[in-house]
């Protein structure tokens, strides 16, 4: 919706993560109609969402596993594999 507003002149920019933005541009047939520019903000982060219905302790186990992947550098490799080209 925000990309369409941008094309209609109802906005100046859209900030979104690279994975979702590239997917939305392709899905909505907007390739060549919008231009992507890299943007890096210090506050940029990744978030984990866990269902309230998840078994007790799942959130902590996931957090520990993700931290371990981050420290080993494996998480960066995973993100790079899916980064749009």
N, C-alpha and C. Protein backbone atom coordinates (compact mmCIF):
# COMPACT_ATOMS: atom_id res chain seq x y z
N UNK A 1 0.83 -1.19 0.00
CA UNK A 1 0.00 0.00 0.00
C UNK A 1 0.87 1.26 0.00
N UNK A 2 1.94 1.24 0.81
CA UNK A 2 2.80 2.42 0.88
C UNK A 2 3.54 2.67 -0.43
N UNK A 3 3.92 1.61 -1.12
CA UNK A 3 4.59 1.78 -2.41
C UNK A 3 3.63 2.40 -3.43
N UNK A 4 2.40 1.98 -3.41
CA UNK A 4 1.41 2.55 -4.33
C UNK A 4 1.16 4.02 -4.02
N UNK A 5 1.11 4.38 -2.73
CA UNK A 5 0.96 5.78 -2.34
C UNK A 5 2.15 6.59 -2.83
N UNK A 6 3.35 6.01 -2.74
CA UNK A 6 4.55 6.68 -3.21
C UNK A 6 4.44 6.99 -4.70
N UNK A 7 3.99 6.01 -5.48
CA UNK A 7 3.84 6.20 -6.93
C UNK A 7 2.76 7.22 -7.27
N UNK A 8 1.78 7.37 -6.40
CA UNK A 8 0.71 8.35 -6.61
C UNK A 8 1.11 9.75 -6.15
N UNK A 9 2.34 9.89 -5.67
CA UNK A 9 2.81 11.19 -5.21
C UNK A 9 2.33 11.55 -3.81
N UNK A 10 1.88 10.56 -3.06
CA UNK A 10 1.37 10.81 -1.72
C UNK A 10 2.39 10.50 -0.64
N UNK A 11 3.65 10.43 -1.03
CA UNK A 11 4.73 10.18 -0.09
C UNK A 11 6.06 10.45 -0.77
N UNK A 12 7.12 10.54 0.02
CA UNK A 12 8.44 10.82 -0.55
C UNK A 12 9.36 9.62 -0.46
N UNK A 13 9.14 8.74 0.50
CA UNK A 13 9.98 7.56 0.63
C UNK A 13 9.25 6.50 1.45
N UNK A 14 9.75 5.27 1.33
CA UNK A 14 9.27 4.15 2.12
C UNK A 14 10.50 3.47 2.70
N UNK A 15 10.51 3.24 3.99
CA UNK A 15 11.62 2.54 4.62
C UNK A 15 11.11 1.19 5.09
N UNK A 16 11.78 0.13 4.65
CA UNK A 16 11.33 -1.22 4.98
C UNK A 16 12.55 -2.13 4.91
N UNK A 17 12.48 -3.33 5.48
CA UNK A 17 13.65 -4.21 5.39
C UNK A 17 13.79 -4.74 3.97
N UNK A 18 15.03 -5.03 3.60
CA UNK A 18 15.34 -5.39 2.22
C UNK A 18 14.61 -6.63 1.73
N UNK A 19 14.49 -7.65 2.58
CA UNK A 19 13.85 -8.89 2.15
C UNK A 19 12.40 -8.65 1.75
N UNK A 20 11.65 -8.02 2.62
CA UNK A 20 10.23 -7.81 2.37
C UNK A 20 10.00 -6.79 1.25
N UNK A 21 10.80 -5.75 1.21
CA UNK A 21 10.60 -4.71 0.20
C UNK A 21 10.82 -5.23 -1.21
N UNK A 22 11.88 -5.97 -1.43
CA UNK A 22 12.15 -6.54 -2.76
C UNK A 22 11.02 -7.49 -3.16
N UNK A 23 10.56 -8.29 -2.21
CA UNK A 23 9.47 -9.22 -2.48
C UNK A 23 8.19 -8.48 -2.86
N UNK A 24 7.87 -7.42 -2.13
CA UNK A 24 6.66 -6.64 -2.42
C UNK A 24 6.74 -5.95 -3.78
N UNK A 25 7.91 -5.45 -4.13
CA UNK A 25 8.09 -4.79 -5.43
C UNK A 25 7.83 -5.78 -6.56
N UNK A 26 8.37 -6.99 -6.43
CA UNK A 26 8.14 -8.02 -7.45
C UNK A 26 6.68 -8.45 -7.47
N UNK A 27 6.12 -8.72 -6.29
CA UNK A 27 4.74 -9.21 -6.19
C UNK A 27 3.74 -8.22 -6.78
N UNK A 28 3.97 -6.92 -6.55
CA UNK A 28 3.03 -5.90 -7.00
C UNK A 28 3.39 -5.34 -8.38
N UNK A 29 4.30 -6.01 -9.10
CA UNK A 29 4.71 -5.59 -10.45
C UNK A 29 5.18 -4.14 -10.49
N UNK A 30 6.04 -3.78 -9.54
CA UNK A 30 6.54 -2.41 -9.47
C UNK A 30 8.01 -2.31 -9.87
N UNK A 31 8.56 -3.40 -10.43
CA UNK A 31 9.96 -3.39 -10.87
C UNK A 31 10.11 -2.33 -11.96
N UNK A 32 11.10 -1.45 -11.80
CA UNK A 32 11.33 -0.38 -12.75
C UNK A 32 10.51 0.86 -12.47
N UNK A 33 9.56 0.79 -11.57
CA UNK A 33 8.72 1.94 -11.23
C UNK A 33 9.19 2.64 -9.97
N UNK A 34 9.95 1.93 -9.14
CA UNK A 34 10.53 2.52 -7.94
C UNK A 34 12.02 2.22 -7.92
N UNK A 35 12.78 3.02 -7.22
CA UNK A 35 14.21 2.85 -7.16
C UNK A 35 14.62 2.57 -5.72
N UNK A 36 15.47 1.55 -5.53
CA UNK A 36 15.95 1.19 -4.20
C UNK A 36 17.28 1.87 -3.92
N UNK A 37 17.41 2.42 -2.73
CA UNK A 37 18.66 3.00 -2.27
C UNK A 37 18.99 2.39 -0.92
N UNK A 38 20.27 2.07 -0.68
CA UNK A 38 20.63 1.52 0.62
C UNK A 38 20.47 2.57 1.72
N UNK A 39 19.97 2.16 2.85
CA UNK A 39 19.82 3.05 4.00
C UNK A 39 20.24 2.28 5.25
N UNK A 40 21.11 2.87 6.03
CA UNK A 40 21.59 2.21 7.23
C UNK A 40 21.38 3.14 8.42
N UNK A 41 20.58 2.69 9.37
CA UNK A 41 20.31 3.47 10.56
C UNK A 41 20.88 2.74 11.76
N UNK A 42 21.42 3.48 12.69
CA UNK A 42 22.01 2.89 13.89
C UNK A 42 20.98 2.12 14.69
N UNK A 43 19.72 2.55 14.66
CA UNK A 43 18.69 1.91 15.47
C UNK A 43 18.10 0.66 14.82
N UNK A 44 18.59 0.31 13.63
CA UNK A 44 18.05 -0.84 12.92
C UNK A 44 18.27 -2.12 13.72
N UNK A 45 17.28 -2.97 13.78
CA UNK A 45 17.40 -4.20 14.53
C UNK A 45 16.50 -5.28 13.98
N UNK A 46 16.67 -6.44 14.47
CA UNK A 46 15.84 -7.57 14.09
C UNK A 46 15.08 -8.01 15.32
N UNK A 47 13.89 -8.51 15.12
CA UNK A 47 13.05 -8.91 16.23
C UNK A 47 12.57 -10.34 16.08
N UNK A 48 12.29 -10.96 17.19
CA UNK A 48 11.77 -12.31 17.20
C UNK A 48 10.36 -12.24 17.78
N UNK A 49 9.44 -12.94 17.17
CA UNK A 49 8.06 -12.97 17.64
C UNK A 49 7.71 -14.41 17.99
N UNK A 50 7.18 -14.60 19.20
CA UNK A 50 6.81 -15.93 19.67
C UNK A 50 5.35 -15.89 20.10
N UNK A 51 4.60 -16.87 19.69
CA UNK A 51 3.19 -16.95 20.04
C UNK A 51 3.00 -17.05 21.55
N UNK A 52 1.93 -16.46 22.04
CA UNK A 52 1.57 -16.58 23.45
C UNK A 52 1.24 -18.03 23.79
N UNK A 53 0.88 -18.80 22.78
CA UNK A 53 0.50 -20.20 22.98
C UNK A 53 1.70 -21.15 22.98
N UNK A 54 2.89 -20.61 22.73
CA UNK A 54 4.09 -21.46 22.72
C UNK A 54 4.33 -22.04 24.11
N UNK A 55 4.88 -23.22 24.14
CA UNK A 55 5.17 -23.89 25.42
C UNK A 55 6.11 -23.03 26.27
N UNK A 56 5.96 -23.10 27.58
CA UNK A 56 6.84 -22.33 28.47
C UNK A 56 8.31 -22.67 28.19
N UNK A 57 9.14 -21.66 28.17
CA UNK A 57 10.57 -21.86 27.94
C UNK A 57 11.01 -21.77 26.49
N UNK A 58 10.07 -21.83 25.55
CA UNK A 58 10.42 -21.78 24.12
C UNK A 58 11.09 -20.46 23.78
N UNK A 59 10.54 -19.37 24.28
CA UNK A 59 11.10 -18.05 23.98
C UNK A 59 12.57 -17.97 24.41
N UNK A 60 12.86 -18.44 25.63
CA UNK A 60 14.23 -18.39 26.13
C UNK A 60 15.16 -19.29 25.33
N UNK A 61 14.69 -20.46 24.94
CA UNK A 61 15.50 -21.38 24.14
C UNK A 61 15.81 -20.76 22.77
N UNK A 62 14.82 -20.12 22.15
CA UNK A 62 15.03 -19.47 20.86
C UNK A 62 16.01 -18.30 20.99
N UNK A 63 15.84 -17.49 22.04
CA UNK A 63 16.73 -16.35 22.26
C UNK A 63 18.17 -16.82 22.41
N UNK A 64 18.38 -17.86 23.21
CA UNK A 64 19.73 -18.39 23.43
C UNK A 64 20.32 -18.92 22.12
N UNK A 65 19.51 -19.64 21.34
CA UNK A 65 19.99 -20.18 20.06
C UNK A 65 20.35 -19.07 19.09
N UNK A 66 19.53 -18.03 19.02
CA UNK A 66 19.80 -16.91 18.11
C UNK A 66 21.05 -16.15 18.55
N UNK A 67 21.20 -15.95 19.84
CA UNK A 67 22.41 -15.28 20.35
C UNK A 67 23.66 -16.09 20.00
N UNK A 68 23.57 -17.40 20.13
CA UNK A 68 24.70 -18.28 19.80
C UNK A 68 25.04 -18.18 18.31
N UNK A 69 24.02 -18.18 17.46
CA UNK A 69 24.24 -18.02 16.01
C UNK A 69 24.86 -16.66 15.70
N UNK A 70 24.41 -15.63 16.42
CA UNK A 70 24.96 -14.29 16.21
C UNK A 70 26.42 -14.20 16.59
N UNK A 71 26.78 -14.77 17.73
CA UNK A 71 28.17 -14.72 18.19
C UNK A 71 29.11 -15.52 17.29
N UNK A 72 28.62 -16.61 16.72
CA UNK A 72 29.47 -17.45 15.86
C UNK A 72 29.61 -16.89 14.45
N UNK A 73 28.75 -15.92 14.10
CA UNK A 73 28.77 -15.36 12.75
C UNK A 73 27.85 -16.10 11.79
N UNK A 74 27.26 -17.19 12.25
CA UNK A 74 26.38 -17.99 11.40
C UNK A 74 25.10 -17.23 11.02
N UNK A 75 24.58 -16.42 11.93
CA UNK A 75 23.36 -15.66 11.65
C UNK A 75 23.59 -14.69 10.49
N UNK A 76 24.73 -14.05 10.47
CA UNK A 76 25.07 -13.15 9.36
C UNK A 76 25.12 -13.91 8.05
N UNK A 77 25.69 -15.10 8.06
CA UNK A 77 25.75 -15.92 6.84
C UNK A 77 24.34 -16.29 6.36
N UNK A 78 23.46 -16.59 7.29
CA UNK A 78 22.07 -16.93 6.94
C UNK A 78 21.40 -15.74 6.28
N UNK A 79 21.53 -14.55 6.88
CA UNK A 79 20.91 -13.35 6.31
C UNK A 79 21.49 -13.04 4.92
N UNK A 80 22.80 -13.19 4.77
CA UNK A 80 23.44 -12.92 3.48
C UNK A 80 22.92 -13.86 2.39
N UNK A 81 22.63 -15.10 2.74
CA UNK A 81 22.14 -16.06 1.75
C UNK A 81 20.78 -15.65 1.19
N UNK A 82 19.99 -14.93 1.97
CA UNK A 82 18.64 -14.54 1.54
C UNK A 82 18.55 -13.07 1.12
N UNK A 83 19.66 -12.36 1.20
CA UNK A 83 19.65 -10.95 0.85
C UNK A 83 19.36 -10.79 -0.64
N UNK A 84 18.47 -9.87 -0.99
CA UNK A 84 18.15 -9.65 -2.41
C UNK A 84 19.38 -9.24 -3.20
N UNK A 85 19.41 -9.69 -4.44
CA UNK A 85 20.55 -9.37 -5.32
C UNK A 85 20.17 -8.34 -6.33
